[in-house]
C-alpha atoms as a PDB file:
ATOM      1  CA  MET A   1      24.194   2.227 -80.933  1.00  0.00           C
ATOM      2  CA  ASN A   2      23.101  -1.311 -80.351  1.00  0.00           C
ATOM      3  CA  ASN A   3      26.605  -2.268 -79.225  1.00  0.00           C
ATOM      4  CA  GLU A   4      26.674   0.562 -76.669  1.00  0.00           C
ATOM      5  CA  LEU A   5      23.243  -0.444 -75.397  1.00  0.00           C
ATOM      6  CA  THR A   6      24.360  -4.064 -75.096  1.00  0.00           C
ATOM      7  CA  GLN A   7      27.509  -3.033 -73.229  1.00  0.00           C
ATOM      8  CA  ASN A   8      25.476  -0.884 -70.795  1.00  0.00           C
ATOM      9  CA  ILE A   9      23.094  -3.761 -70.158  1.00  0.00           C
ATOM     10  CA  ASP A  10      26.042  -6.107 -69.496  1.00  0.00           C
ATOM     11  CA  ILE A  11      27.630  -3.600 -67.123  1.00  0.00           C
ATOM     12  CA  ASN A  12      24.377  -3.112 -65.233  1.00  0.00           C
ATOM     13  CA  THR A  13      23.859  -6.864 -65.071  1.00  0.00           C
ATOM     14  CA  ASP A  14      27.369  -7.342 -63.648  1.00  0.00           C
ATOM     15  CA  LYS A  15      26.726  -4.614 -61.067  1.00  0.00           C
ATOM     16  CA  ILE A  16      23.436  -6.188 -60.033  1.00  0.00           C
ATOM     17  CA  SER A  17      25.008  -9.665 -59.737  1.00  0.00           C
ATOM     18  CA  PHE A  18      27.900  -8.186 -57.764  1.00  0.00           C
ATOM     19  CA  LEU A  19      25.507  -6.444 -55.378  1.00  0.00           C
ATOM     20  CA  ILE A  20      23.515  -9.662 -54.946  1.00  0.00           C
ATOM     21  CA  LYS A  21      26.679 -11.643 -54.199  1.00  0.00           C
ATOM     22  CA  GLU A  22      27.872  -8.962 -51.769  1.00  0.00           C
ATOM     23  CA  LYS A  23      24.497  -9.023 -50.029  1.00  0.00           C
ATOM     24  CA  LYS A  24      24.657 -12.826 -49.734  1.00  0.00           C
ATOM     25  CA  ILE A  25      28.195 -12.656 -48.339  1.00  0.00           C
ATOM     26  CA  LYS A  26      27.152 -10.062 -45.738  1.00  0.00           C
ATOM     27  CA  SER A  27      24.157 -12.225 -44.822  1.00  0.00           C
ATOM     28  CA  ARG A  28      26.402 -15.245 -44.366  1.00  0.00           C
ATOM     29  CA  ILE A  29      28.829 -13.247 -42.221  1.00  0.00           C
ATOM     30  CA  ILE A  30      25.968 -12.017 -40.013  1.00  0.00           C
ATOM     31  CA  LYS A  31      24.553 -15.548 -39.677  1.00  0.00           C
ATOM     32  CA  ASP A  32      28.031 -16.884 -38.861  1.00  0.00           C
ATOM     33  CA  LYS A  33      28.509 -14.293 -36.115  1.00  0.00           C
ATOM     34  CA  ILE A  34      25.043 -14.956 -34.667  1.00  0.00           C
ATOM     35  CA  PHE A  35      25.722 -18.699 -34.575  1.00  0.00           C
ATOM     36  CA  LYS A  36      29.147 -18.071 -33.035  1.00  0.00           C
ATOM     37  CA  TYR A  37      27.707 -15.871 -30.271  1.00  0.00           C
ATOM     38  CA  ILE A  38      24.901 -18.379 -29.578  1.00  0.00           C
ATOM     39  CA  THR A  39      27.499 -21.160 -29.255  1.00  0.00           C
ATOM     40  CA  ILE A  40      29.659 -19.076 -26.912  1.00  0.00           C
ATOM     41  CA  ALA A  41      26.613 -18.115 -24.823  1.00  0.00           C
ATOM     42  CA  GLY A  42      25.561 -21.769 -24.563  1.00  0.00           C
ATOM     43  CA  ALA A  43      29.049 -22.823 -23.513  1.00  0.00           C
ATOM     44  CA  LEU A  44      29.211 -20.046 -20.901  1.00  0.00           C
ATOM     45  CA  PHE A  45      25.756 -20.980 -19.599  1.00  0.00           C
ATOM     46  CA  VAL A  46      26.726 -24.640 -19.163  1.00  0.00           C
ATOM     47  CA  SER A  47      30.049 -23.659 -17.581  1.00  0.00           C
ATOM     48  CA  LEU A  48      28.299 -21.355 -15.110  1.00  0.00           C
ATOM     49  CA  ILE A  49      25.864 -24.117 -14.122  1.00  0.00           C
ATOM     50  CA  LEU A  50      28.750 -26.540 -13.623  1.00  0.00           C
ATOM     51  CA  ALA A  51      30.718 -23.964 -11.634  1.00  0.00           C
ATOM     52  CA  TYR A  52      27.691 -23.271  -9.436  1.00  0.00           C
ATOM     53  CA  ILE A  53      27.156 -26.999  -8.743  1.00  0.00           C
ATOM     54  CA  LEU A  54      30.829 -27.497  -7.896  1.00  0.00           C
ATOM     55  CA  PHE A  55      30.869 -24.414  -5.678  1.00  0.00           C
ATOM     56  CA  TYR A  56      27.659 -25.385  -3.865  1.00  0.00           C
ATOM     57  CA  VAL A  57      28.771 -28.978  -3.228  1.00  0.00           C
ATOM     58  CA  ALA A  58      32.188 -27.765  -2.064  1.00  0.00           C
ATOM     59  CA  LYS A  59      30.602 -25.127   0.197  1.00  0.00           C
ATOM     60  CA  GLN A  60      28.236 -27.643   1.809  1.00  0.00           C
ATOM     61  CA  GLY A  61      30.646 -30.566   1.999  1.00  0.00           C
ATOM     62  CA  ILE A  62      34.085 -29.174   2.765  1.00  0.00           C
ATOM     63  CA  SER A  63      33.114 -28.372   6.361  1.00  0.00           C
ATOM     64  CA  SER A  64      32.501 -32.079   6.986  1.00  0.00           C
ATOM     65  CA  ILE A  65      35.885 -33.169   5.643  1.00  0.00           C
ATOM     66  CA  ASN A  66      38.427 -33.966   8.342  1.00  0.00           C
ATOM     67  CA  TRP A  67      40.631 -36.844   9.417  1.00  0.00           C
ATOM     68  CA  ASN A  68      37.859 -38.494  11.446  1.00  0.00           C
ATOM     69  CA  PHE A  69      35.549 -38.324   8.432  1.00  0.00           C
ATOM     70  CA  ILE A  70      38.008 -40.484   6.496  1.00  0.00           C
ATOM     71  CA  ILE A  71      39.049 -43.030   9.128  1.00  0.00           C
ATOM     72  CA  GLU A  72      35.917 -43.466  11.289  1.00  0.00           C
ATOM     73  CA  LEU A  73      32.756 -45.498  10.766  1.00  0.00           C
ATOM     74  CA  PRO A  74      29.275 -43.894  10.690  1.00  0.00           C
ATOM     75  CA  LYS A  75      27.726 -43.232  14.081  1.00  0.00           C
ATOM     76  CA  PRO A  76      24.109 -43.993  15.075  1.00  0.00           C
ATOM     77  CA  PRO A  77      21.414 -41.341  14.487  1.00  0.00           C
ATOM     78  CA  GLY A  78      21.517 -38.498  16.995  1.00  0.00           C
ATOM     79  CA  GLU A  79      25.302 -38.575  17.454  1.00  0.00           C
ATOM     80  CA  PHE A  80      27.431 -36.007  15.672  1.00  0.00           C
ATOM     81  CA  GLY A  81      30.722 -36.936  14.075  1.00  0.00           C
ATOM     82  CA  GLY A  82      31.648 -40.216  12.530  1.00  0.00           C
ATOM     83  CA  GLY A  83      32.920 -40.886   9.061  1.00  0.00           C
ATOM     84  CA  VAL A  84      32.550 -42.910   5.903  1.00  0.00           C
ATOM     85  CA  SER A  85      35.691 -45.053   5.942  1.00  0.00           C
ATOM     86  CA  ASN A  86      33.681 -48.178   5.124  1.00  0.00           C
ATOM     87  CA  ALA A  87      32.170 -46.443   2.081  1.00  0.00           C
ATOM     88  CA  ILE A  88      35.564 -45.255   0.844  1.00  0.00           C
ATOM     89  CA  VAL A  89      37.046 -48.758   1.140  1.00  0.00           C
ATOM     90  CA  GLY A  90      33.952 -50.295  -0.453  1.00  0.00           C
ATOM     91  CA  THR A  91      34.035 -47.862  -3.389  1.00  0.00           C
ATOM     92  CA  LEU A  92      37.704 -48.622  -4.071  1.00  0.00           C
ATOM     93  CA  ILE A  93      37.144 -52.392  -3.831  1.00  0.00           C
ATOM     94  CA  MET A  94      34.156 -52.414  -6.186  1.00  0.00           C
ATOM     95  CA  ILE A  95      35.880 -50.133  -8.701  1.00  0.00           C
ATOM     96  CA  ALA A  96      38.943 -52.403  -8.618  1.00  0.00           C
ATOM     97  CA  LEU A  97      36.686 -55.430  -9.181  1.00  0.00           C
ATOM     98  CA  SER A  98      34.946 -53.767 -12.120  1.00  0.00           C
ATOM     99  CA  VAL A  99      38.283 -52.813 -13.693  1.00  0.00           C
ATOM    100  CA  ILE A 100      39.631 -56.371 -13.313  1.00  0.00           C
ATOM    101  CA  ILE A 101      36.495 -57.822 -14.894  1.00  0.00           C
ATOM    102  CA  ALA A 102      35.787 -55.271 -17.614  1.00  0.00           C
ATOM    103  CA  VAL A 103      39.171 -54.069 -18.894  1.00  0.00           C
ATOM    104  CA  PRO A 104      40.622 -57.329 -20.348  1.00  0.00           C
ATOM    105  CA  LEU A 105      37.305 -58.281 -21.967  1.00  0.00           C
ATOM    106  CA  SER A 106      36.591 -54.806 -23.360  1.00  0.00           C
ATOM    107  CA  ILE A 107      40.126 -54.421 -24.753  1.00  0.00           C
ATOM    108  CA  ALA A 108      39.772 -57.808 -26.472  1.00  0.00           C
ATOM    109  CA  ILE A 109      36.434 -56.686 -27.956  1.00  0.00           C
ATOM    110  CA  GLY A 110      37.945 -53.381 -29.086  1.00  0.00           C
ATOM    111  CA  VAL A 111      40.873 -55.171 -30.759  1.00  0.00           C
ATOM    112  CA  TYR A 112      38.477 -57.509 -32.563  1.00  0.00           C
ATOM    113  CA  LEU A 113      36.291 -54.652 -33.796  1.00  0.00           C
ATOM    114  CA  SER A 114      39.308 -52.713 -35.066  1.00  0.00           C
ATOM    115  CA  GLU A 115      40.719 -55.747 -36.900  1.00  0.00           C
ATOM    116  CA  ASP A 116      37.500 -57.198 -38.381  1.00  0.00           C
ATOM    117  CA  ARG A 117      35.538 -54.086 -39.202  1.00  0.00           C
ATOM    118  CA  LYS A 118      33.141 -55.302 -41.908  1.00  0.00           C
ATOM    119  CA  THR A 119      32.034 -58.752 -40.787  1.00  0.00           C
ATOM    120  CA  LYS A 120      28.466 -59.463 -39.684  1.00  0.00           C
ATOM    121  CA  LEU A 121      29.629 -60.486 -36.217  1.00  0.00           C
ATOM    122  CA  SER A 122      31.505 -57.207 -35.723  1.00  0.00           C
ATOM    123  CA  TYR A 123      28.416 -55.290 -36.850  1.00  0.00           C
ATOM    124  CA  TRP A 124      26.209 -57.000 -34.271  1.00  0.00           C
ATOM    125  CA  VAL A 125      28.852 -56.695 -31.538  1.00  0.00           C
ATOM    126  CA  ARG A 126      29.182 -52.978 -32.248  1.00  0.00           C
ATOM    127  CA  THR A 127      25.402 -52.584 -32.220  1.00  0.00           C
ATOM    128  CA  GLY A 128      25.200 -54.464 -28.923  1.00  0.00           C
ATOM    129  CA  LEU A 129      27.801 -52.171 -27.370  1.00  0.00           C
ATOM    130  CA  GLU A 130      25.867 -49.092 -28.472  1.00  0.00           C
ATOM    131  CA  ILE A 131      22.646 -50.460 -26.983  1.00  0.00           C
ATOM    132  CA  LEU A 132      24.425 -51.434 -23.766  1.00  0.00           C
ATOM    133  CA  GLN A 133      25.971 -47.987 -23.470  1.00  0.00           C
ATOM    134  CA  GLY A 134      22.544 -46.358 -23.651  1.00  0.00           C
ATOM    135  CA  MET A 135      20.860 -48.766 -21.235  1.00  0.00           C
ATOM    136  CA  PRO A 136      19.707 -47.241 -17.896  1.00  0.00           C
ATOM    137  CA  SER A 137      21.963 -48.195 -15.013  1.00  0.00           C
ATOM    138  CA  ILE A 138      19.031 -49.330 -12.891  1.00  0.00           C
ATOM    139  CA  SER A 139      18.142 -51.909 -15.557  1.00  0.00           C
ATOM    140  CA  ILE A 140      21.679 -53.288 -15.377  1.00  0.00           C
ATOM    141  CA  GLY A 141      21.323 -53.487 -11.584  1.00  0.00           C
ATOM    142  CA  ILE A 142      18.093 -55.483 -11.875  1.00  0.00           C
ATOM    143  CA  VAL A 143      19.647 -57.884 -14.399  1.00  0.00           C
ATOM    144  CA  VAL A 144      22.681 -58.510 -12.164  1.00  0.00           C
ATOM    145  CA  TYR A 145      20.314 -58.943  -9.212  1.00  0.00           C
ATOM    146  CA  VAL A 146      18.558 -61.774 -11.079  1.00  0.00           C
ATOM    147  CA  TRP A 147      21.743 -63.294 -12.496  1.00  0.00           C
ATOM    148  CA  VAL A 148      24.042 -63.050  -9.475  1.00  0.00           C
ATOM    149  CA  VAL A 149      22.352 -61.940  -6.247  1.00  0.00           C
ATOM    150  CA  LEU A 150      19.470 -64.428  -6.410  1.00  0.00           C
ATOM    151  CA  GLN A 151      21.829 -67.253  -7.392  1.00  0.00           C
ATOM    152  CA  MET A 152      24.213 -66.464  -4.519  1.00  0.00           C
ATOM    153  CA  GLY A 153      21.380 -65.917  -2.061  1.00  0.00           C
ATOM    154  CA  SER A 154      22.744 -62.602  -0.747  1.00  0.00           C
ATOM    155  CA  PHE A 155      23.893 -59.140  -1.741  1.00  0.00           C
ATOM    156  CA  SER A 156      27.639 -58.791  -2.226  1.00  0.00           C
ATOM    157  CA  ALA A 157      30.422 -56.520  -3.390  1.00  0.00           C
ATOM    158  CA  LEU A 158      31.100 -59.035  -6.176  1.00  0.00           C
ATOM    159  CA  SER A 159      27.661 -58.475  -7.696  1.00  0.00           C
ATOM    160  CA  GLY A 160      28.196 -54.717  -7.408  1.00  0.00           C
ATOM    161  CA  GLY A 161      31.538 -55.020  -9.198  1.00  0.00           C
ATOM    162  CA  ILE A 162      29.916 -57.068 -11.966  1.00  0.00           C
ATOM    163  CA  ALA A 163      27.192 -54.439 -12.456  1.00  0.00           C
ATOM    164  CA  LEU A 164      29.781 -51.656 -12.686  1.00  0.00           C
ATOM    165  CA  ALA A 165      31.905 -53.781 -15.039  1.00  0.00           C
ATOM    166  CA  ILE A 166      28.954 -54.174 -17.425  1.00  0.00           C
ATOM    167  CA  MET A 167      28.600 -50.392 -17.471  1.00  0.00           C
ATOM    168  CA  MET A 168      32.320 -49.938 -18.125  1.00  0.00           C
ATOM    169  CA  LEU A 169      32.444 -52.491 -20.933  1.00  0.00           C
ATOM    170  CA  PRO A 170      31.066 -50.427 -23.858  1.00  0.00           C
ATOM    171  CA  VAL A 171      33.023 -47.287 -22.918  1.00  0.00           C
ATOM    172  CA  VAL A 172      36.419 -49.016 -22.839  1.00  0.00           C
ATOM    173  CA  ALA A 173      35.639 -51.206 -25.870  1.00  0.00           C
ATOM    174  CA  LYS A 174      34.619 -48.241 -28.049  1.00  0.00           C
ATOM    175  CA  SER A 175      37.600 -46.129 -26.973  1.00  0.00           C
ATOM    176  CA  THR A 176      39.936 -49.070 -27.685  1.00  0.00           C
ATOM    177  CA  GLU A 177      38.419 -49.589 -31.140  1.00  0.00           C
ATOM    178  CA  GLU A 178      38.611 -45.920 -32.118  1.00  0.00           C
ATOM    179  CA  THR A 179      42.177 -45.600 -30.799  1.00  0.00           C
ATOM    180  CA  LEU A 180      43.476 -48.673 -32.617  1.00  0.00           C
ATOM    181  CA  LYS A 181      41.887 -47.441 -35.854  1.00  0.00           C
ATOM    182  CA  MET A 182      44.261 -44.474 -35.654  1.00  0.00           C
ATOM    183  CA  VAL A 183      47.356 -46.698 -35.500  1.00  0.00           C
ATOM    184  CA  PRO A 184      48.914 -46.774 -39.017  1.00  0.00           C
ATOM    185  CA  TYR A 185      48.545 -50.062 -40.845  1.00  0.00           C
ATOM    186  CA  SER A 186      52.198 -49.813 -41.904  1.00  0.00           C
ATOM    187  CA  LEU A 187      53.272 -50.651 -38.330  1.00  0.00           C
ATOM    188  CA  LYS A 188      51.430 -53.958 -38.430  1.00  0.00           C
ATOM    189  CA  GLU A 189      52.706 -54.667 -41.950  1.00  0.00           C
ATOM    190  CA  ALA A 190      56.304 -54.055 -40.868  1.00  0.00           C
ATOM    191  CA  SER A 191      55.919 -56.392 -37.897  1.00  0.00           C
ATOM    192  CA  LEU A 192      54.345 -59.150 -39.987  1.00  0.00           C
ATOM    193  CA  ALA A 193      57.016 -58.706 -42.667  1.00  0.00           C
ATOM    194  CA  LEU A 194      59.683 -59.427 -40.043  1.00  0.00           C
ATOM    195  CA  GLY A 195      58.048 -62.773 -39.326  1.00  0.00           C
ATOM    196  CA  VAL A 196      56.375 -61.797 -36.040  1.00  0.00           C
ATOM    197  CA  PRO A 197      53.249 -63.907 -35.404  1.00  0.00           C
ATOM    198  CA  TYR A 198      49.892 -62.141 -35.734  1.00  0.00           C
ATOM    199  CA  TYR A 199      48.973 -62.368 -32.054  1.00  0.00           C
ATOM    200  CA  LYS A 200      52.358 -60.981 -30.998  1.00  0.00           C
ATOM    201  CA  THR A 201      51.967 -58.148 -33.501  1.00  0.00           C
ATOM    202  CA  ILE A 202      48.658 -57.205 -31.924  1.00  0.00           C
ATOM    203  CA  LEU A 203      49.889 -57.537 -28.330  1.00  0.00           C
ATOM    204  CA  LYS A 204      53.347 -55.986 -28.719  1.00  0.00           C
ATOM    205  CA  VAL A 205      52.948 -53.491 -31.571  1.00  0.00           C
ATOM    206  CA  VAL A 206      49.347 -52.427 -32.178  1.00  0.00           C
ATOM    207  CA  VAL A 207      47.998 -52.301 -28.615  1.00  0.00           C
ATOM    208  CA  PRO A 208      51.051 -50.523 -27.085  1.00  0.00           C
ATOM    209  CA  SER A 209      50.874 -47.926 -29.871  1.00  0.00           C
ATOM    210  CA  GLY A 210      47.353 -46.999 -28.771  1.00  0.00           C
ATOM    211  CA  LEU A 211      47.938 -47.356 -25.041  1.00  0.00           C
ATOM    212  CA  SER A 212      47.252 -43.680 -24.291  1.00  0.00           C
ATOM    213  CA  GLY A 213      43.769 -43.814 -25.804  1.00  0.00           C
ATOM    214  CA  ILE A 214      43.002 -47.094 -24.055  1.00  0.00           C
ATOM    215  CA  LEU A 215      44.085 -45.691 -20.667  1.00  0.00           C
ATOM    216  CA  THR A 216      42.006 -42.575 -21.281  1.00  0.00           C
ATOM    217  CA  GLY A 217      38.953 -44.719 -22.004  1.00  0.00           C
ATOM    218  CA  ILE A 218      39.524 -46.740 -18.828  1.00  0.00           C
ATOM    219  CA  LEU A 219      39.782 -43.595 -16.677  1.00  0.00           C
ATOM    220  CA  ILE A 220      36.652 -42.097 -18.249  1.00  0.00           C
ATOM    221  CA  ALA A 221      34.769 -45.361 -17.657  1.00  0.00           C
ATOM    222  CA  VAL A 222      35.919 -45.468 -14.020  1.00  0.00           C
ATOM    223  CA  ALA A 223      34.833 -41.849 -13.539  1.00  0.00           C
ATOM    224  CA  ARG A 224      31.436 -42.725 -14.977  1.00  0.00           C
ATOM    225  CA  VAL A 225      30.732 -45.735 -12.756  1.00  0.00           C
ATOM    226  CA  ALA A 226      32.266 -44.267  -9.581  1.00  0.00           C
ATOM    227  CA  GLY A 227      29.167 -42.200  -8.909  1.00  0.00           C
ATOM    228  CA  GLU A 228      26.539 -44.785  -9.864  1.00  0.00           C
ATOM    229  CA  THR A 229      23.952 -45.552  -7.191  1.00  0.00           C
ATOM    230  CA  ALA A 230      21.079 -47.374  -8.914  1.00  0.00           C
ATOM    231  CA  PRO A 231      22.863 -50.653  -9.765  1.00  0.00           C
ATOM    232  CA  LEU A 232      24.410 -50.855  -6.283  1.00  0.00           C
ATOM    233  CA  LEU A 233      20.992 -50.679  -4.637  1.00  0.00           C
ATOM    234  CA  PHE A 234      20.206 -54.091  -6.129  1.00  0.00           C
ATOM    235  CA  THR A 235      23.671 -55.638  -5.797  1.00  0.00           C
ATOM    236  CA  SER A 236      26.005 -54.511  -2.999  1.00  0.00           C
ATOM    237  CA  PHE A 237      23.055 -53.055  -0.997  1.00  0.00           C
ATOM    238  CA  GLY A 238      25.242 -51.292   1.585  1.00  0.00           C
ATOM    239  CA  ASN A 239      26.664 -52.068   5.001  1.00  0.00           C
ATOM    240  CA  PRO A 240      27.008 -49.790   8.073  1.00  0.00           C
ATOM    241  CA  PHE A 241      30.121 -51.699   9.189  1.00  0.00           C
ATOM    242  CA  MET A 242      33.607 -52.101   7.746  1.00  0.00           C
ATOM    243  CA  ASN A 243      33.687 -55.073   5.389  1.00  0.00           C
ATOM    244  CA  VAL A 244      36.352 -56.246   2.938  1.00  0.00           C
ATOM    245  CA  ASN A 245      34.745 -59.605   2.152  1.00  0.00           C
ATOM    246  CA  MET A 246      33.620 -59.443  -1.472  1.00  0.00           C
ATOM    247  CA  MET A 247      30.941 -62.075  -0.868  1.00  0.00           C
ATOM    248  CA  LYS A 248      29.144 -59.888   1.695  1.00  0.00           C
ATOM    249  CA  PRO A 249      27.146 -56.636   1.388  1.00  0.00           C
ATOM    250  CA  MET A 250      29.400 -53.595   1.146  1.00  0.00           C
ATOM    251  CA  ASN A 251      28.901 -49.863   1.414  1.00  0.00           C
ATOM    252  CA  SER A 252      30.006 -47.232  -1.106  1.00  0.00           C
ATOM    253  CA  LEU A 253      30.046 -43.447  -1.376  1.00  0.00           C
ATOM    254  CA  PRO A 254      27.052 -43.231  -3.775  1.00  0.00           C
ATOM    255  CA  LEU A 255      24.982 -45.393  -1.415  1.00  0.00           C
ATOM    256  CA  VAL A 256      25.999 -43.247   1.563  1.00  0.00           C
ATOM    257  CA  ILE A 257      24.909 -40.116  -0.300  1.00  0.00           C
ATOM    258  CA  PHE A 258      21.583 -41.678  -1.315  1.00  0.00           C
ATOM    259  CA  ASN A 259      20.720 -43.121   2.105  1.00  0.00           C
ATOM    260  CA  TYR A 260      21.942 -40.229   4.247  1.00  0.00           C
ATOM    261  CA  ALA A 261      20.517 -37.455   2.054  1.00  0.00           C
ATOM    262  CA  SER A 262      17.040 -39.016   2.201  1.00  0.00           C
ATOM    263  CA  SER A 263      17.178 -39.487   5.995  1.00  0.00           C
ATOM    264  CA  PRO A 264      15.533 -37.093   8.488  1.00  0.00           C
ATOM    265  CA  TYR A 265      18.709 -36.662  10.567  1.00  0.00           C
ATOM    266  CA  LYS A 266      20.700 -33.451  10.213  1.00  0.00           C
ATOM    267  CA  GLU A 267      24.035 -35.054  11.162  1.00  0.00           C
ATOM    268  CA  TRP A 268      23.580 -37.600   8.390  1.00  0.00           C
ATOM    269  CA  HIS A 269      22.886 -34.785   5.921  1.00  0.00           C
ATOM    270  CA  SER A 270      26.294 -33.287   6.711  1.00  0.00           C
ATOM    271  CA  LEU A 271      27.923 -36.699   6.116  1.00  0.00           C
ATOM    272  CA  ALA A 272      26.082 -36.941   2.790  1.00  0.00           C
ATOM    273  CA  TRP A 273      27.442 -33.537   1.715  1.00  0.00           C
ATOM    274  CA  GLY A 274      30.943 -34.552   2.778  1.00  0.00           C
ATOM    275  CA  ALA A 275      30.684 -37.809   0.823  1.00  0.00           C
ATOM    276  CA  SER A 276      29.379 -35.852  -2.201  1.00  0.00           C
ATOM    277  CA  PHE A 277      32.366 -33.513  -2.054  1.00  0.00           C
ATOM    278  CA  LEU A 278      34.796 -36.421  -1.703  1.00  0.00           C
ATOM    279  CA  LEU A 279      33.233 -38.292  -4.622  1.00  0.00           C
ATOM    280  CA  MET A 280      33.224 -35.134  -6.741  1.00  0.00           C
ATOM    281  CA  VAL A 281      36.935 -34.609  -6.098  1.00  0.00           C
ATOM    282  CA  MET A 282      37.689 -38.227  -7.036  1.00  0.00           C
ATOM    283  CA  ILE A 283      35.780 -37.931 -10.324  1.00  0.00           C
ATOM    284  CA  LEU A 284      37.390 -34.566 -11.139  1.00  0.00           C
ATOM    285  CA  ILE A 285      40.859 -36.036 -10.569  1.00  0.00           C
ATOM    286  CA  LEU A 286      40.056 -38.981 -12.856  1.00  0.00           C
ATOM    287  CA  ASN A 287      38.738 -36.713 -15.619  1.00  0.00           C
ATOM    288  CA  ILE A 288      41.686 -34.327 -15.391  1.00  0.00           C
ATOM    289  CA  THR A 289      44.109 -37.267 -15.474  1.00  0.00           C
ATOM    290  CA  ALA A 290      42.342 -38.628 -18.561  1.00  0.00           C
ATOM    291  CA  LYS A 291      42.672 -35.237 -20.284  1.00  0.00           C
ATOM    292  CA  ILE A 292      46.382 -35.014 -19.444  1.00  0.00           C
ATOM    293  CA  ILE A 293      47.056 -38.533 -20.744  1.00  0.00           C
ATOM    294  CA  SER A 294      45.113 -37.949 -23.965  1.00  0.00           C
ATOM    295  CA  ARG A 295      46.999 -34.715 -24.678  1.00  0.00           C
ATOM    296  CA  LYS A 296      50.498 -35.667 -23.538  1.00  0.00           C
ATOM    297  CA  TRP A 297      50.653 -39.166 -25.007  1.00  0.00           C
ATOM    298  CA  LYS A 298      48.603 -38.555 -28.110  1.00  0.00           C
ATOM    299  CA  ILE A 299      49.236 -40.886 -31.053  1.00  0.00           C
ATOM    300  CA  LYS A 300      51.681 -39.121 -33.385  1.00  0.00           C
ATOM    301  CA  PHE A 301      52.953 -40.648 -36.605  1.00  0.00           C
END
């Protein structure tokens, strides 16, 4: 009798524990689905906002895009037409300057951080890059204004390129570090075992193996700084005329958008929308190119 009672109690206990477990599993499934739907809704919401911004900028700006818009200089207030050729040339020159200044230095920093990961110096360099990456762009513009513009005695495209290079530095350095960490250590060991000097191993084996990630980081950094306005207000300042002298003030697309959008002239507003559309297309092309490079030439070992 006691044995039967004990068996019944055990069976009931097993049933109760099974029901509790089943209830917990159902609760987890429901919570998982709720979280999944919230995530999907958030992604759709952000995508719709982005699509609306792209559509609105394209709708407002595409009507201003023509051949004259690209090859002509801005016209005085009250005259329709004109273009932003000086801003296009200035943007390309300052981006090229920032790439020339930032890329070699940031790649060298990324290589150092990937090779010496646990030293005190690497810790402080990594911390400095993180702080620099989060620093407001206008603060960088003010610093370059004090360091370069005041020392030179005038605004210039060179100071603008330096400000953009400082903004590019942490992005390229961090992407280089993370990419080179993915390169197998066996590659470097094999090179060193063959008697190849350390510096040649880094330059001809390690860095080329992570070239896709480094190029992706460079393109992302260029896309980030291409639309910056705040640092250029204190450095390149802008110029209504065509100028290719890097020691003189120079215009750029972000400055055109800022100055023309805040003006009271309707014809300048249309130029600002056209410049916005052109800049948006440039940044989209850079981001899409970065995605293609990162997917097509992904590190595979």
